[in-house]
Amino acid sequence: MSKFPIEKVLKILSEERKKRNAPIVTLVSKRTKDPFQILVSTILSLRTKDEVTAKATERLLSIVKTPEDILKIPDEELQKIIYPVGFYRNKTKTLKKISKILIEKYGGKVPDSLEELLKLPGVGRKTANLVLAEGYNKDAICVDTHVHRISNRWGIVKTKTPEQTEFELMKILPRKWWKEYNSILVAFGQTICKPVGPRCEVCPIKNYCPYWKKLKNKKK
């Protein structure tokens, strides 16, 4: 592991996060603690901006609480409810397929293991780990584009894919931070540590960041 002070940085960013809106999936988790609703909101969030996901999630979860509720809604109506999330037609089909499987195979409950979650259509490691962390309070690291990008920018991993990042983080990240790591870095990545034009000047952890140090050296 590099000399990057990861715990110190995460403590600072954890405090900073309180000043910003939490990712919608985290808000759903805090409000309901319901793995199905967390799974639904995570599916909606894929390749969609958080503000769009938030509105679609609020609309859908105001009338949907169970897989049975999803199946009762005609496809066209469900599409209208979740629009304009990315790939809303495909996500409508995915939600229907998942709901059917949950009812037929799992008694209407969302499975609480990575292996079983990955069997569900449209569910990859990112979604599965987020459901485990937020829905079941299990130690799991959800790696999305923010987590993958920022972890590499900090130099604590050197990876090419989110999956590689997940496995590397499991080796170096203190376990007490696993569940929180995603929500901390998503808020940070959306507002400060952006993919293009990161706002390094106002970053609360810039003095620890190798990316910022390189930028300063270039300006000299």
C-alpha atoms as a PDB file:
ATOM      1  CA  MET A   1       0.000   0.000   0.000  1.00  0.00           C
ATOM      2  CA  SER A   2       1.231   3.512  -0.718  1.00  0.00           C
ATOM      3  CA  LYS A   3       1.882   6.091   1.960  1.00  0.00           C
ATOM      4  CA  PHE A   4      -1.391   7.787   1.157  1.00  0.00           C
ATOM      5  CA  PRO A   5      -3.108   8.357   4.567  1.00  0.00           C
ATOM      6  CA  ILE A   6      -6.371   6.677   3.588  1.00  0.00           C
ATOM      7  CA  GLU A   7      -8.012   6.640   7.027  1.00  0.00           C
ATOM      8  CA  LYS A   8      -7.234  10.292   7.709  1.00  0.00           C
ATOM      9  CA  VAL A   9      -8.581  11.235   4.281  1.00  0.00           C
ATOM     10  CA  LEU A  10     -11.758   9.186   4.704  1.00  0.00           C
ATOM     11  CA  LYS A  11     -12.443  10.759   8.094  1.00  0.00           C
ATOM     12  CA  ILE A  12     -12.160  14.236   6.556  1.00  0.00           C
ATOM     13  CA  LEU A  13     -14.356  13.324   3.585  1.00  0.00           C
ATOM     14  CA  SER A  14     -16.876  11.628   5.856  1.00  0.00           C
ATOM     15  CA  GLU A  15     -17.353  14.919   7.683  1.00  0.00           C
ATOM     16  CA  GLU A  16     -17.457  16.859   4.410  1.00  0.00           C
ATOM     17  CA  ARG A  17     -20.123  14.495   3.082  1.00  0.00           C
ATOM     18  CA  LYS A  18     -22.569  15.808   5.679  1.00  0.00           C
ATOM     19  CA  LYS A  19     -22.605  19.141   3.823  1.00  0.00           C
ATOM     20  CA  ARG A  20     -23.748  17.490   0.588  1.00  0.00           C
ATOM     21  CA  ASN A  21     -26.665  15.386  -0.571  1.00  0.00           C
ATOM     22  CA  ALA A  22     -26.063  11.681  -0.137  1.00  0.00           C
ATOM     23  CA  PRO A  23     -26.410   9.400  -3.178  1.00  0.00           C
ATOM     24  CA  ILE A  24     -30.048   8.381  -3.685  1.00  0.00           C
ATOM     25  CA  VAL A  25     -29.405   4.715  -2.866  1.00  0.00           C
ATOM     26  CA  THR A  26     -27.923   5.747   0.496  1.00  0.00           C
ATOM     27  CA  LEU A  27     -30.980   7.905   1.195  1.00  0.00           C
ATOM     28  CA  VAL A  28     -33.299   4.995   0.371  1.00  0.00           C
ATOM     29  CA  SER A  29     -31.253   2.772   2.665  1.00  0.00           C
ATOM     30  CA  LYS A  30     -31.452   5.207   5.574  1.00  0.00           C
ATOM     31  CA  ARG A  31     -35.184   5.656   5.071  1.00  0.00           C
ATOM     32  CA  THR A  32     -36.315   2.084   4.514  1.00  0.00           C
ATOM     33  CA  LYS A  33     -33.490  -0.419   5.169  1.00  0.00           C
ATOM     34  CA  ASP A  34     -35.402  -2.508   2.626  1.00  0.00           C
ATOM     35  CA  PRO A  35     -33.130  -4.607   0.347  1.00  0.00           C
ATOM     36  CA  PHE A  36     -35.754  -4.746  -2.436  1.00  0.00           C
ATOM     37  CA  GLN A  37     -36.206  -0.985  -2.572  1.00  0.00           C
ATOM     38  CA  ILE A  38     -32.430  -0.544  -2.455  1.00  0.00           C
ATOM     39  CA  LEU A  39     -32.062  -3.017  -5.321  1.00  0.00           C
ATOM     40  CA  VAL A  40     -34.703  -1.171  -7.356  1.00  0.00           C
ATOM     41  CA  SER A  41     -33.087   2.230  -6.794  1.00  0.00           C
ATOM     42  CA  THR A  42     -29.676   0.795  -7.689  1.00  0.00           C
ATOM     43  CA  ILE A  43     -30.998  -0.632 -10.960  1.00  0.00           C
ATOM     44  CA  LEU A  44     -32.500   2.763 -11.807  1.00  0.00           C
ATOM     45  CA  SER A  45     -29.235   4.540 -10.978  1.00  0.00           C
ATOM     46  CA  LEU A  46     -27.117   2.633 -13.470  1.00  0.00           C
ATOM     47  CA  ARG A  47     -25.718   5.011 -16.108  1.00  0.00           C
ATOM     48  CA  THR A  48     -28.039   7.764 -14.912  1.00  0.00           C
ATOM     49  CA  LYS A  49     -27.332  11.068 -13.144  1.00  0.00           C
ATOM     50  CA  ASP A  50     -28.179  11.013  -9.465  1.00  0.00           C
ATOM     51  CA  GLU A  51     -30.727  13.846  -9.652  1.00  0.00           C
ATOM     52  CA  VAL A  52     -32.638  11.982 -12.383  1.00  0.00           C
ATOM     53  CA  THR A  53     -32.452   8.738 -10.432  1.00  0.00           C
ATOM     54  CA  ALA A  54     -33.708  10.458  -7.287  1.00  0.00           C
ATOM     55  CA  LYS A  55     -36.901  11.741  -8.920  1.00  0.00           C
ATOM     56  CA  ALA A  56     -37.635   8.453 -10.691  1.00  0.00           C
ATOM     57  CA  THR A  57     -36.975   6.489  -7.517  1.00  0.00           C
ATOM     58  CA  GLU A  58     -39.300   8.695  -5.474  1.00  0.00           C
ATOM     59  CA  ARG A  59     -42.081   8.244  -8.046  1.00  0.00           C
ATOM     60  CA  LEU A  60     -41.674   4.487  -8.238  1.00  0.00           C
ATOM     61  CA  LEU A  61     -41.194   3.759  -4.547  1.00  0.00           C
ATOM     62  CA  SER A  62     -44.240   5.826  -3.657  1.00  0.00           C
ATOM     63  CA  ILE A  63     -46.342   3.052  -5.235  1.00  0.00           C
ATOM     64  CA  VAL A  64     -44.002   0.045  -5.142  1.00  0.00           C
ATOM     65  CA  LYS A  65     -42.844  -1.765  -2.020  1.00  0.00           C
ATOM     66  CA  THR A  66     -42.581  -5.413  -3.131  1.00  0.00           C
ATOM     67  CA  PRO A  67     -41.798  -7.505  -6.233  1.00  0.00           C
ATOM     68  CA  GLU A  68     -45.529  -8.215  -6.505  1.00  0.00           C
ATOM     69  CA  ASP A  69     -46.172  -4.484  -6.833  1.00  0.00           C
ATOM     70  CA  ILE A  70     -43.763  -4.270  -9.778  1.00  0.00           C
ATOM     71  CA  LEU A  71     -45.506  -7.091 -11.628  1.00  0.00           C
ATOM     72  CA  LYS A  72     -48.900  -5.443 -11.230  1.00  0.00           C
ATOM     73  CA  ILE A  73     -47.801  -2.379 -13.229  1.00  0.00           C
ATOM     74  CA  PRO A  74     -48.148  -2.636 -17.039  1.00  0.00           C
ATOM     75  CA  ASP A  75     -44.860  -2.212 -18.898  1.00  0.00           C
ATOM     76  CA  GLU A  76     -45.810   1.058 -20.582  1.00  0.00           C
ATOM     77  CA  GLU A  77     -46.924   2.576 -17.296  1.00  0.00           C
ATOM     78  CA  LEU A  78     -43.736   1.468 -15.550  1.00  0.00           C
ATOM     79  CA  GLN A  79     -41.691   3.025 -18.342  1.00  0.00           C
ATOM     80  CA  LYS A  80     -43.496   6.334 -17.857  1.00  0.00           C
ATOM     81  CA  ILE A  81     -42.895   6.234 -14.103  1.00  0.00           C
ATOM     82  CA  ILE A  82     -39.136   5.728 -14.345  1.00  0.00           C
ATOM     83  CA  TYR A  83     -38.517   7.892 -17.430  1.00  0.00           C
ATOM     84  CA  PRO A  84     -36.064   9.592 -18.122  1.00  0.00           C
ATOM     85  CA  VAL A  85     -33.573   7.256 -16.420  1.00  0.00           C
ATOM     86  CA  GLY A  86     -31.057   5.815 -18.851  1.00  0.00           C
ATOM     87  CA  PHE A  87     -32.272   2.765 -20.769  1.00  0.00           C
ATOM     88  CA  TYR A  88     -35.671   2.994 -19.095  1.00  0.00           C
ATOM     89  CA  ARG A  89     -37.227   0.437 -21.440  1.00  0.00           C
ATOM     90  CA  ASN A  90     -34.553  -2.148 -20.692  1.00  0.00           C
ATOM     91  CA  LYS A  91     -34.727  -1.350 -16.981  1.00  0.00           C
ATOM     92  CA  THR A  92     -38.473  -1.923 -17.058  1.00  0.00           C
ATOM     93  CA  LYS A  93     -37.855  -5.415 -18.445  1.00  0.00           C
ATOM     94  CA  THR A  94     -35.085  -6.019 -15.916  1.00  0.00           C
ATOM     95  CA  LEU A  95     -37.250  -4.988 -12.966  1.00  0.00           C
ATOM     96  CA  LYS A  96     -40.013  -7.285 -14.172  1.00  0.00           C
ATOM     97  CA  LYS A  97     -37.637 -10.243 -14.628  1.00  0.00           C
ATOM     98  CA  ILE A  98     -35.993  -9.711 -11.250  1.00  0.00           C
ATOM     99  CA  SER A  99     -39.354  -9.402  -9.486  1.00  0.00           C
ATOM    100  CA  LYS A 100     -40.600 -12.634 -11.066  1.00  0.00           C
ATOM    101  CA  ILE A 101     -37.452 -14.514 -10.042  1.00  0.00           C
ATOM    102  CA  LEU A 102     -37.560 -13.138  -6.492  1.00  0.00           C
ATOM    103  CA  ILE A 103     -41.130 -14.360  -6.081  1.00  0.00           C
ATOM    104  CA  GLU A 104     -40.609 -17.767  -7.681  1.00  0.00           C
ATOM    105  CA  LYS A 105     -37.171 -18.624  -6.293  1.00  0.00           C
ATOM    106  CA  TYR A 106     -36.605 -16.568  -3.153  1.00  0.00           C
ATOM    107  CA  GLY A 107     -40.039 -16.190  -1.608  1.00  0.00           C
ATOM    108  CA  GLY A 108     -40.232 -12.530  -2.617  1.00  0.00           C
ATOM    109  CA  LYS A 109     -37.051 -11.666  -0.722  1.00  0.00           C
ATOM    110  CA  VAL A 110     -33.803 -10.285  -2.100  1.00  0.00           C
ATOM    111  CA  PRO A 111     -30.970 -12.795  -1.508  1.00  0.00           C
ATOM    112  CA  ASP A 112     -28.275 -11.726   0.931  1.00  0.00           C
ATOM    113  CA  SER A 113     -25.258 -13.335  -0.712  1.00  0.00           C
ATOM    114  CA  LEU A 114     -23.088 -12.065  -3.539  1.00  0.00           C
ATOM    115  CA  GLU A 115     -23.316 -15.396  -5.353  1.00  0.00           C
ATOM    116  CA  GLU A 116     -27.130 -15.389  -5.439  1.00  0.00           C
ATOM    117  CA  LEU A 117     -27.435 -11.683  -6.239  1.00  0.00           C
ATOM    118  CA  LEU A 118     -25.183 -12.094  -9.267  1.00  0.00           C
ATOM    119  CA  LYS A 119     -27.612 -14.659 -10.669  1.00  0.00           C
ATOM    120  CA  LEU A 120     -30.275 -11.966 -11.045  1.00  0.00           C
ATOM    121  CA  PRO A 121     -30.579 -10.361 -14.513  1.00  0.00           C
ATOM    122  CA  GLY A 122     -28.951  -6.963 -14.791  1.00  0.00           C
ATOM    123  CA  VAL A 123     -27.124  -7.335 -11.471  1.00  0.00           C
ATOM    124  CA  GLY A 124     -23.340  -7.011 -11.575  1.00  0.00           C
ATOM    125  CA  ARG A 125     -20.824  -6.779  -8.765  1.00  0.00           C
ATOM    126  CA  LYS A 126     -21.389  -3.049  -8.252  1.00  0.00           C
ATOM    127  CA  THR A 127     -25.134  -3.490  -7.732  1.00  0.00           C
ATOM    128  CA  ALA A 128     -24.765  -6.672  -5.683  1.00  0.00           C
ATOM    129  CA  ASN A 129     -22.209  -5.149  -3.323  1.00  0.00           C
ATOM    130  CA  LEU A 130     -24.299  -2.007  -2.869  1.00  0.00           C
ATOM    131  CA  VAL A 131     -27.326  -4.115  -1.909  1.00  0.00           C
ATOM    132  CA  LEU A 132     -25.222  -6.119   0.551  1.00  0.00           C
ATOM    133  CA  ALA A 133     -23.717  -2.994   2.131  1.00  0.00           C
ATOM    134  CA  GLU A 134     -26.805  -0.771   2.213  1.00  0.00           C
ATOM    135  CA  GLY A 135     -29.549  -3.401   2.447  1.00  0.00           C
ATOM    136  CA  TYR A 136     -27.959  -6.021   4.679  1.00  0.00           C
ATOM    137  CA  ASN A 137     -25.266  -4.007   6.467  1.00  0.00           C
ATOM    138  CA  LYS A 138     -22.620  -6.450   5.285  1.00  0.00           C
ATOM    139  CA  ASP A 139     -18.989  -5.610   4.670  1.00  0.00           C
ATOM    140  CA  ALA A 140     -18.856  -5.094   0.910  1.00  0.00           C
ATOM    141  CA  ILE A 141     -17.064  -2.579  -1.308  1.00  0.00           C
ATOM    142  CA  CYS A 142     -19.187  -1.155  -4.102  1.00  0.00           C
ATOM    143  CA  VAL A 143     -16.957   0.102  -6.905  1.00  0.00           C
ATOM    144  CA  ASP A 144     -18.558   2.475  -9.394  1.00  0.00           C
ATOM    145  CA  THR A 145     -16.855   4.916 -11.756  1.00  0.00           C
ATOM    146  CA  HIS A 146     -16.178   7.413  -8.947  1.00  0.00           C
ATOM    147  CA  VAL A 147     -14.590   4.831  -6.658  1.00  0.00           C
ATOM    148  CA  HIS A 148     -12.526   3.354  -9.495  1.00  0.00           C
ATOM    149  CA  ARG A 149     -11.325   6.745 -10.751  1.00  0.00           C
ATOM    150  CA  ILE A 150     -10.550   8.345  -7.397  1.00  0.00           C
ATOM    151  CA  SER A 151      -8.825   5.285  -5.920  1.00  0.00           C
ATOM    152  CA  ASN A 152      -6.495   5.280  -8.931  1.00  0.00           C
ATOM    153  CA  ARG A 153      -6.057   9.059  -8.785  1.00  0.00           C
ATOM    154  CA  TRP A 154      -4.973   8.743  -5.162  1.00  0.00           C
ATOM    155  CA  GLY A 155      -2.531   6.027  -6.175  1.00  0.00           C
ATOM    156  CA  ILE A 156      -3.741   3.473  -3.638  1.00  0.00           C
ATOM    157  CA  VAL A 157      -4.528   1.108  -6.513  1.00  0.00           C
ATOM    158  CA  LYS A 158      -3.274   0.810 -10.075  1.00  0.00           C
ATOM    159  CA  THR A 159      -6.081  -0.927 -11.900  1.00  0.00           C
ATOM    160  CA  LYS A 160      -7.812  -0.869 -15.264  1.00  0.00           C
ATOM    161  CA  THR A 161     -11.304  -2.091 -14.319  1.00  0.00           C
ATOM    162  CA  PRO A 162     -13.744  -1.551 -11.428  1.00  0.00           C
ATOM    163  CA  GLU A 163     -13.618  -5.273 -10.640  1.00  0.00           C
ATOM    164  CA  GLN A 164      -9.843  -5.150 -10.278  1.00  0.00           C
ATOM    165  CA  THR A 165     -10.246  -2.091  -8.063  1.00  0.00           C
ATOM    166  CA  GLU A 166     -12.714  -3.943  -5.825  1.00  0.00           C
ATOM    167  CA  PHE A 167     -10.306  -6.831  -5.244  1.00  0.00           C
ATOM    168  CA  GLU A 168      -7.345  -4.531  -4.619  1.00  0.00           C
ATOM    169  CA  LEU A 169      -9.323  -2.392  -2.174  1.00  0.00           C
ATOM    170  CA  MET A 170     -10.303  -5.515  -0.259  1.00  0.00           C
ATOM    171  CA  LYS A 171      -6.588  -6.071   0.395  1.00  0.00           C
ATOM    172  CA  ILE A 172      -5.694  -2.552   1.532  1.00  0.00           C
ATOM    173  CA  LEU A 173      -8.790  -0.761   2.793  1.00  0.00           C
ATOM    174  CA  PRO A 174      -9.522  -1.134   6.533  1.00  0.00           C
ATOM    175  CA  ARG A 175     -12.662  -3.250   6.788  1.00  0.00           C
ATOM    176  CA  LYS A 176     -14.520  -0.666   8.883  1.00  0.00           C
ATOM    177  CA  TRP A 177     -14.592   1.597   5.791  1.00  0.00           C
ATOM    178  CA  TRP A 178     -15.845  -0.977   3.269  1.00  0.00           C
ATOM    179  CA  LYS A 179     -19.554  -0.172   3.547  1.00  0.00           C
ATOM    180  CA  GLU A 180     -19.064   3.604   3.561  1.00  0.00           C
ATOM    181  CA  TYR A 181     -16.350   3.896   0.941  1.00  0.00           C
ATOM    182  CA  ASN A 182     -18.756   4.158  -1.989  1.00  0.00           C
ATOM    183  CA  SER A 183     -21.082   6.788  -0.552  1.00  0.00           C
ATOM    184  CA  ILE A 184     -18.130   8.901   0.638  1.00  0.00           C
ATOM    185  CA  LEU A 185     -16.409   8.843  -2.743  1.00  0.00           C
ATOM    186  CA  VAL A 186     -19.579   9.300  -4.819  1.00  0.00           C
ATOM    187  CA  ALA A 187     -20.414  12.553  -3.024  1.00  0.00           C
ATOM    188  CA  PHE A 188     -16.776  13.641  -3.330  1.00  0.00           C
ATOM    189  CA  GLY A 189     -16.512  12.626  -6.989  1.00  0.00           C
ATOM    190  CA  GLN A 190     -19.725  14.387  -8.006  1.00  0.00           C
ATOM    191  CA  THR A 191     -18.788  17.706  -6.453  1.00  0.00           C
ATOM    192  CA  ILE A 192     -14.997  18.001  -6.110  1.00  0.00           C
ATOM    193  CA  CYS A 193     -12.922  15.184  -7.588  1.00  0.00           C
ATOM    194  CA  LYS A 194     -14.571  15.231 -11.009  1.00  0.00           C
ATOM    195  CA  PRO A 195     -13.259  13.165 -13.928  1.00  0.00           C
ATOM    196  CA  VAL A 196     -12.473  16.263 -15.982  1.00  0.00           C
ATOM    197  CA  GLY A 197     -11.475  19.521 -14.333  1.00  0.00           C
ATOM    198  CA  PRO A 198     -11.355  18.367 -10.711  1.00  0.00           C
ATOM    199  CA  ARG A 199     -11.762  21.279  -8.300  1.00  0.00           C
ATOM    200  CA  CYS A 200      -8.426  20.708  -6.596  1.00  0.00           C
ATOM    201  CA  GLU A 201      -8.161  24.275  -5.260  1.00  0.00           C
ATOM    202  CA  VAL A 202     -11.142  23.768  -2.940  1.00  0.00           C
ATOM    203  CA  CYS A 203     -10.486  20.102  -2.156  1.00  0.00           C
ATOM    204  CA  PRO A 204     -10.331  19.442   1.612  1.00  0.00           C
ATOM    205  CA  ILE A 205      -7.738  16.671   1.208  1.00  0.00           C
ATOM    206  CA  LYS A 206      -5.563  18.213  -1.523  1.00  0.00           C
ATOM    207  CA  ASN A 207      -2.477  18.356   0.685  1.00  0.00           C
ATOM    208  CA  TYR A 208      -2.514  14.558   0.917  1.00  0.00           C
ATOM    209  CA  CYS A 209      -3.252  13.973  -2.758  1.00  0.00           C
ATOM    210  CA  PRO A 210      -0.484  12.921  -5.184  1.00  0.00           C
ATOM    211  CA  TYR A 211      -2.560  14.198  -8.113  1.00  0.00           C
ATOM    212  CA  TRP A 212      -2.591  17.710  -6.622  1.00  0.00           C
ATOM    213  CA  LYS A 213       1.132  17.534  -5.870  1.00  0.00           C
ATOM    214  CA  LYS A 214       1.840  16.689  -9.522  1.00  0.00           C
ATOM    215  CA  LEU A 215      -0.293  19.631 -10.678  1.00  0.00           C
ATOM    216  CA  LYS A 216       1.601  22.007  -8.388  1.00  0.00           C
ATOM    217  CA  ASN A 217       4.963  20.757  -9.646  1.00  0.00           C
ATOM    218  CA  LYS A 218       3.876  21.294 -13.249  1.00  0.00           C
ATOM    219  CA  LYS A 219       2.976  24.923 -12.495  1.00  0.00           C
ATOM    220  CA  LYS A 220       6.407  25.665 -11.062  1.00  0.00           C
END
